[in-house]
């Protein structure tokens, strides 16, 4: 049975994705303000449903409140998809989203109960980005544009090279977000406090003598890390991996934007996606630099997390758009070829 556009369902998917974005911002604020253990118990907060919203409790419990609301919205969305969707794979996606939000909530609780272990904290952050991408996909799949097939304007030859680069770009951004989460949760954000060089070098030395000198310099400059104790070679390595992979991501996204702009001459959506990627990329790189130079200012650091999520979702949307348009172009070509054979 051919699916029909349901405006209310599409709006719910969009609203759930938007609230998930707010949840990511709230989670970024928890990390940026060091409020992860401001509420040391779970699922209650100091044994209450609503503790006094003061200090770090405001950020941590506020994050939990938004998470609960997103969980409720996701449950409604999954049940609605199950009852009304005619596409079986969409029903499955709804329950995958529901399972993801349950696992995400559990990881959030374990993060508190086990006192912010790196593995669980990074998994929590990574799943948040994946969940946001999944909901953005559901929002697209329930849109009028996706359901009501449009005549393909692009040729299959124009769209064929797009598949590889869009997938690679999406994967590259996702890896960068994992590295960013690893950097935040290992307190490596200021392990290298200067930019564009690193302790005056392109690649900083990790010798014991160099580490001792770096730590002395941090003390002299009154740069305090989130974690007690001197910086380690591991922290510097994680920080530099995040910087170096950013160069790879930037290069790939610039190439992708140029290709999208070419396809965008005949399909306006691709031109919008092209400009969106470029603008978000410039903003994200700028925020990354300012995060270091401002010594991890809370607003800048949180904005860096939020824009990273938007950049990932934009790449996911680009991948899905190119796959959809290519499938339509391929189907149209097959129909034309079949008609030509019949006429022959």
Protein backbone atom coordinates (compact mmCIF):
# COMPACT_ATOMS: atom_id res chain seq x y z
CA UNK A 1 0.00 0.00 0.00
CA UNK A 2 1.31 3.41 -0.98
CA UNK A 3 2.06 5.59 2.10
CA UNK A 4 0.15 8.84 2.51
CA UNK A 5 1.43 12.07 3.97
CA UNK A 6 0.32 12.63 7.58
CA UNK A 7 0.93 16.23 8.57
CA UNK A 8 0.43 15.67 12.30
CA UNK A 9 2.80 12.68 12.37
CA UNK A 10 5.43 14.65 10.47
CA UNK A 11 5.09 17.55 12.91
CA UNK A 12 5.53 15.19 15.87
CA UNK A 13 8.70 13.75 14.32
CA UNK A 14 10.06 17.26 13.71
CA UNK A 15 9.16 18.38 17.24
CA UNK A 16 10.78 15.30 18.79
CA UNK A 17 13.96 15.92 16.78
CA UNK A 18 13.96 19.59 17.87
CA UNK A 19 13.56 18.64 21.53
CA UNK A 20 16.41 16.15 21.13
CA UNK A 21 18.59 19.01 19.89
CA UNK A 22 17.68 20.97 23.02
CA UNK A 23 18.59 17.87 25.04
CA UNK A 24 22.03 17.79 23.42
CA UNK A 25 22.51 21.46 24.33
CA UNK A 26 21.46 20.69 27.91
CA UNK A 27 23.91 17.78 28.02
CA UNK A 28 26.65 20.05 26.70
CA UNK A 29 25.91 22.52 29.49
CA UNK A 30 26.16 19.74 32.08
CA UNK A 31 29.63 18.81 30.82
CA UNK A 32 30.80 22.39 30.26
CA UNK A 33 29.81 23.47 33.77
CA UNK A 34 31.15 20.32 35.41
CA UNK A 35 27.70 19.49 36.79
CA UNK A 36 27.69 15.78 35.98
CA UNK A 37 27.70 14.79 39.65
CA UNK A 38 25.75 17.76 40.99
CA UNK A 39 22.96 15.21 41.53
CA UNK A 40 24.69 12.02 42.78
CA UNK A 41 21.66 9.68 42.77
CA UNK A 42 19.42 8.28 40.02
CA UNK A 43 16.62 7.97 38.95
CA UNK A 44 15.53 10.44 41.67
CA UNK A 45 17.43 13.63 42.45
CA UNK A 46 18.39 13.76 46.12
CA UNK A 47 15.49 11.38 46.65
CA UNK A 48 13.03 13.84 45.07
CA UNK A 49 11.26 14.26 41.77
CA UNK A 50 11.98 18.00 41.87
CA UNK A 51 14.98 19.14 43.94
CA UNK A 52 15.84 22.83 44.46
CA UNK A 53 17.07 24.08 41.07
CA UNK A 54 20.23 25.80 42.31
CA UNK A 55 23.86 25.67 41.19
CA UNK A 56 24.86 22.62 39.18
CA UNK A 57 21.55 20.92 40.09
CA UNK A 58 19.85 23.30 37.65
CA UNK A 59 21.89 21.93 34.75
CA UNK A 60 21.92 18.25 35.76
CA UNK A 61 18.27 17.93 36.80
CA UNK A 62 17.17 20.19 33.94
CA UNK A 63 18.92 17.78 31.58
CA UNK A 64 17.01 14.89 33.15
CA UNK A 65 13.68 16.72 32.79
CA UNK A 66 14.22 17.36 29.08
CA UNK A 67 15.37 13.74 28.63
CA UNK A 68 12.16 12.49 30.23
CA UNK A 69 10.09 14.66 27.89
CA UNK A 70 12.02 13.40 24.85
CA UNK A 71 11.45 9.83 26.03
CA UNK A 72 7.70 10.48 26.25
CA UNK A 73 7.63 12.03 22.77
CA UNK A 74 9.61 9.13 21.33
CA UNK A 75 7.21 6.61 22.86
CA UNK A 76 4.23 8.40 21.30
CA UNK A 77 6.04 8.61 17.96
CA UNK A 78 6.91 4.90 17.96
CA UNK A 79 3.33 3.86 18.78
CA UNK A 80 1.91 6.24 16.17
CA UNK A 81 4.24 4.85 13.50
CA UNK A 82 3.25 1.31 14.50
CA UNK A 83 -0.46 2.05 14.25
CA UNK A 84 -0.60 4.29 11.18
CA UNK A 85 2.46 3.66 9.00
CA UNK A 86 2.04 1.33 6.04
CA UNK A 87 5.80 1.02 5.51
CA UNK A 88 7.07 -1.84 7.64
CA UNK A 89 10.58 -0.43 7.84
CA UNK A 90 9.20 2.78 9.31
CA UNK A 91 7.50 0.81 12.08
CA UNK A 92 10.87 -0.80 12.80
CA UNK A 93 12.61 2.58 12.84
CA UNK A 94 10.10 3.83 15.39
CA UNK A 95 10.89 1.02 17.79
CA UNK A 96 14.63 1.38 17.17
CA UNK A 97 14.24 5.01 18.24
CA UNK A 98 12.31 3.91 21.33
CA UNK A 99 14.99 1.34 22.22
CA UNK A 100 17.70 3.95 21.67
CA UNK A 101 16.10 6.47 24.03
CA UNK A 102 15.71 3.78 26.71
CA UNK A 103 19.36 2.77 26.39
CA UNK A 104 20.35 6.44 26.39
CA UNK A 105 18.49 7.07 29.63
CA UNK A 106 20.09 4.01 31.19
CA UNK A 107 23.56 5.15 30.14
CA UNK A 108 22.84 8.55 31.64
CA UNK A 109 21.92 6.92 34.94
CA UNK A 110 24.98 4.66 34.91
CA UNK A 111 27.17 7.67 34.19
CA UNK A 112 26.06 9.15 37.52
CA UNK A 113 26.02 5.95 39.56
CA UNK A 114 29.53 4.96 38.46
CA UNK A 115 30.89 8.52 38.92
CA UNK A 116 31.37 9.57 35.30
CA UNK A 117 33.43 6.69 33.85
CA UNK A 118 34.93 7.67 30.50
CA UNK A 119 33.63 4.67 28.52
CA UNK A 120 30.01 5.13 29.62
CA UNK A 121 30.13 8.94 29.33
CA UNK A 122 31.51 8.80 25.77
CA UNK A 123 28.95 6.12 24.82
CA UNK A 124 26.21 8.34 26.24
CA UNK A 125 27.37 11.30 24.15
CA UNK A 126 27.80 9.19 21.01
CA UNK A 127 24.36 7.63 21.27
CA UNK A 128 22.86 11.09 21.71
CA UNK A 129 24.26 12.14 18.33
CA UNK A 130 23.08 8.88 16.73
CA UNK A 131 19.60 9.27 18.20
CA UNK A 132 19.34 12.85 16.93
CA UNK A 133 20.36 11.68 13.45
CA UNK A 134 17.81 8.85 13.55
CA UNK A 135 14.98 11.21 14.49
CA UNK A 136 15.99 13.64 11.75
CA UNK A 137 15.74 10.72 9.32
CA UNK A 138 12.27 9.79 10.58
CA UNK A 139 11.22 13.41 10.16
CA UNK A 140 12.41 13.31 6.54
CA UNK A 141 10.77 9.94 5.83
CA UNK A 142 7.41 11.27 7.05
CA UNK A 143 7.67 14.49 5.01
CA UNK A 144 5.57 15.29 1.96
CA UNK A 145 8.75 15.61 -0.11
CA UNK A 146 9.79 12.02 0.61
CA UNK A 147 6.36 10.39 0.34
CA UNK A 148 4.99 12.14 -2.73
CA UNK A 149 7.46 11.14 -5.44
CA UNK A 150 8.62 13.97 -7.65
CA UNK A 151 9.89 13.71 -11.21
CA UNK A 152 13.68 13.36 -10.98
CA UNK A 153 15.51 16.37 -12.39
CA UNK A 154 19.02 15.00 -11.98
CA UNK A 155 20.52 12.29 -14.12
CA UNK A 156 21.75 9.14 -12.44
CA UNK A 157 25.30 9.93 -13.61
CA UNK A 158 25.23 13.21 -11.66
CA UNK A 159 24.09 11.52 -8.45
CA UNK A 160 26.24 8.38 -8.61
CA UNK A 161 29.48 10.06 -7.35
CA UNK A 162 27.51 11.67 -4.51
CA UNK A 163 26.80 8.43 -2.67
CA UNK A 164 30.39 7.68 -1.71
CA UNK A 165 31.38 11.17 -0.62
CA UNK A 166 28.19 11.82 1.36
CA UNK A 167 28.63 8.57 3.28
CA UNK A 168 32.30 9.29 3.91
CA UNK A 169 31.59 12.87 5.01
CA UNK A 170 28.90 11.69 7.42
CA UNK A 171 31.21 9.04 8.85
CA UNK A 172 34.07 11.54 9.17
CA UNK A 173 31.91 14.02 11.10
CA UNK A 174 30.64 11.22 13.34
CA UNK A 175 34.21 10.13 14.15
CA UNK A 176 35.09 13.74 14.94
CA UNK A 177 32.17 14.01 17.36
CA UNK A 178 33.33 10.81 19.10
CA UNK A 179 36.82 12.29 19.42
CA UNK A 180 35.26 15.47 20.78
CA UNK A 181 33.31 13.50 23.38
CA UNK A 182 36.44 11.57 24.31
CA UNK A 183 38.33 14.85 24.67
CA UNK A 184 35.66 16.36 26.94
CA UNK A 185 35.27 13.33 29.17
CA UNK A 186 39.01 12.77 29.58
CA UNK A 187 39.47 16.46 30.41
CA UNK A 188 41.76 16.91 27.42
CA UNK A 189 40.20 20.13 26.11
CA UNK A 190 43.00 22.30 27.49
CA UNK A 191 45.75 19.71 27.31
CA UNK A 192 47.04 21.92 24.48
CA UNK A 193 46.12 25.52 25.42
CA UNK A 194 47.49 27.38 22.38
CA UNK A 195 46.44 27.60 18.73
CA UNK A 196 47.29 27.18 15.85
CA UNK A 197 50.52 25.68 17.19
CA UNK A 198 50.68 23.21 20.07
CA UNK A 199 53.11 24.39 22.72
CA UNK A 200 54.79 26.31 19.91
CA UNK A 201 55.15 23.19 17.74
CA UNK A 202 53.21 21.61 14.89
CA UNK A 203 53.26 18.26 16.71
CA UNK A 204 54.12 18.56 20.41
CA UNK A 205 56.74 16.30 21.92
CA UNK A 206 55.49 13.73 24.40
CA UNK A 207 58.78 13.08 26.16
CA UNK A 208 58.82 13.15 29.98
CA UNK A 209 60.93 16.32 29.88
CA UNK A 210 58.49 18.03 27.53
CA UNK A 211 55.48 17.02 29.65
CA UNK A 212 57.17 18.43 32.75
CA UNK A 213 57.80 21.70 30.91
CA UNK A 214 54.19 21.87 29.65
CA UNK A 215 52.81 21.38 33.16
CA UNK A 216 55.09 24.06 34.57
CA UNK A 217 53.87 26.43 31.85
CA UNK A 218 50.22 25.65 32.62
CA UNK A 219 50.83 26.50 36.28
CA UNK A 220 52.60 29.74 35.39
CA UNK A 221 49.75 30.73 33.02
CA UNK A 222 47.20 29.79 35.72
CA UNK A 223 45.42 27.39 33.36
CA UNK A 224 43.44 24.97 35.49
CA UNK A 225 42.27 21.69 34.00
CA UNK A 226 38.94 20.13 34.94
CA UNK A 227 40.74 17.12 36.35
CA UNK A 228 43.19 17.36 39.21
CA UNK A 229 46.80 16.53 38.49
CA UNK A 230 49.19 17.21 35.60
CA UNK A 231 48.33 16.64 31.97
CA UNK A 232 49.43 13.37 30.43
CA UNK A 233 50.71 12.21 27.07
CA UNK A 234 47.35 10.48 26.52
CA UNK A 235 45.43 13.72 26.98
CA UNK A 236 47.66 15.58 24.53
CA UNK A 237 47.31 12.73 22.02
CA UNK A 238 43.51 12.81 22.21
CA UNK A 239 43.49 16.59 21.83
CA UNK A 240 45.79 16.50 18.80
CA UNK A 241 43.79 13.69 17.16
CA UNK A 242 40.71 15.90 17.42
CA UNK A 243 42.58 18.80 15.79
CA UNK A 244 44.16 16.73 13.01
CA UNK A 245 40.94 14.90 12.14
CA UNK A 246 39.24 18.31 11.93
CA UNK A 247 41.52 19.07 8.96
CA UNK A 248 40.32 15.89 7.24
CA UNK A 249 36.67 16.69 7.99
CA UNK A 250 37.05 20.25 6.72
CA UNK A 251 38.60 19.11 3.44
CA UNK A 252 35.92 16.48 2.82
CA UNK A 253 33.06 18.86 3.61
CA UNK A 254 34.41 21.55 1.29
CA UNK A 255 34.60 19.03 -1.57
CA UNK A 256 31.11 17.77 -0.74
CA UNK A 257 29.70 21.30 -0.72
CA UNK A 258 31.16 22.02 -4.16
CA UNK A 259 29.61 18.83 -5.56
CA UNK A 260 26.28 19.64 -3.93
CA UNK A 261 26.34 23.12 -5.42
CA UNK A 262 26.76 21.61 -8.89
CA UNK A 263 23.78 19.28 -8.40
CA UNK A 264 21.91 22.18 -6.79
CA UNK A 265 21.71 23.94 -10.13
CA UNK A 266 18.84 21.60 -11.00
CA UNK A 267 17.59 20.74 -7.50
CA UNK A 268 17.24 23.60 -5.02
CA UNK A 269 17.40 21.40 -1.92
CA UNK A 270 20.97 20.40 -2.68
CA UNK A 271 22.00 24.04 -2.96
CA UNK A 272 20.49 24.72 0.47
CA UNK A 273 22.32 21.71 1.90
CA UNK A 274 25.56 22.90 0.29
CA UNK A 275 25.38 26.33 1.90
CA UNK A 276 24.23 24.86 5.21
CA UNK A 277 27.27 22.59 5.39
CA UNK A 278 29.65 25.42 4.53
CA UNK A 279 28.16 27.86 7.05
CA UNK A 280 28.02 25.28 9.83
CA UNK A 281 31.58 24.20 9.05
CA UNK A 282 32.91 27.75 9.33
CA UNK A 283 31.02 28.33 12.56
CA UNK A 284 32.15 24.99 14.01
CA UNK A 285 35.83 25.52 13.22
CA UNK A 286 35.64 29.04 14.67
CA UNK A 287 33.98 27.75 17.85
CA UNK A 288 36.61 25.02 18.15
CA UNK A 289 39.41 27.59 18.01
CA UNK A 290 37.63 29.90 20.46
CA UNK A 291 37.02 27.00 22.85
CA UNK A 292 40.79 26.68 23.29
CA UNK A 293 41.62 30.40 23.25
CA UNK A 294 38.82 31.22 25.72
CA UNK A 295 40.00 28.41 28.03
CA UNK A 296 36.74 26.51 27.54
CA UNK A 297 34.23 29.29 28.05
CA UNK A 298 30.92 27.58 28.93
CA UNK A 299 28.81 29.26 26.25
CA UNK A 300 31.39 28.72 23.49
CA UNK A 301 32.08 25.10 24.47
CA UNK A 302 28.38 24.26 24.58
CA UNK A 303 27.76 25.98 21.23
CA UNK A 304 30.61 23.89 19.79
CA UNK A 305 28.79 20.71 20.86
CA UNK A 306 25.45 21.94 19.49
CA UNK A 307 26.78 23.03 16.08
CA UNK A 308 28.63 19.72 15.77
CA UNK A 309 25.30 17.92 16.18
CA UNK A 310 23.71 20.14 13.52
CA UNK A 311 26.60 19.47 11.15
CA UNK A 312 26.22 15.72 11.58
CA UNK A 313 22.47 15.84 10.98
CA UNK A 314 22.95 18.01 7.89
CA UNK A 315 25.36 15.41 6.49
CA UNK A 316 22.88 12.63 7.31
CA UNK A 317 20.13 14.58 5.54
CA UNK A 318 22.39 15.12 2.54
CA UNK A 319 23.10 11.40 2.33
CA UNK A 320 19.41 10.51 2.54
CA UNK A 321 18.46 13.16 -0.03
CA UNK A 322 21.06 11.94 -2.51
CA UNK A 323 19.99 8.31 -2.03
CA UNK A 324 16.34 9.22 -2.54
CA UNK A 325 16.91 11.28 -5.67
CA UNK A 326 19.24 8.66 -7.12
CA UNK A 327 16.64 5.93 -6.60
CA UNK A 328 14.02 8.06 -8.35
CA UNK A 329 16.40 8.80 -11.22
CA UNK A 330 17.25 5.11 -11.54
CA UNK A 331 13.58 4.13 -11.52
CA UNK A 332 12.75 6.73 -14.15
CA UNK A 333 15.62 5.50 -16.34
CA UNK A 334 14.38 1.90 -16.04
CA UNK A 335 10.87 2.93 -17.06
CA UNK A 336 12.21 4.85 -20.07
CA UNK A 337 14.40 1.90 -21.10
CA UNK A 338 11.47 -0.50 -20.83
CA UNK A 339 9.27 1.81 -22.88
CA UNK A 340 12.01 2.04 -25.52
CA UNK A 341 12.27 -1.75 -25.72
CA UNK A 342 8.51 -2.06 -26.18
CA UNK A 343 8.49 0.49 -28.96
CA UNK A 344 11.35 -1.39 -30.66
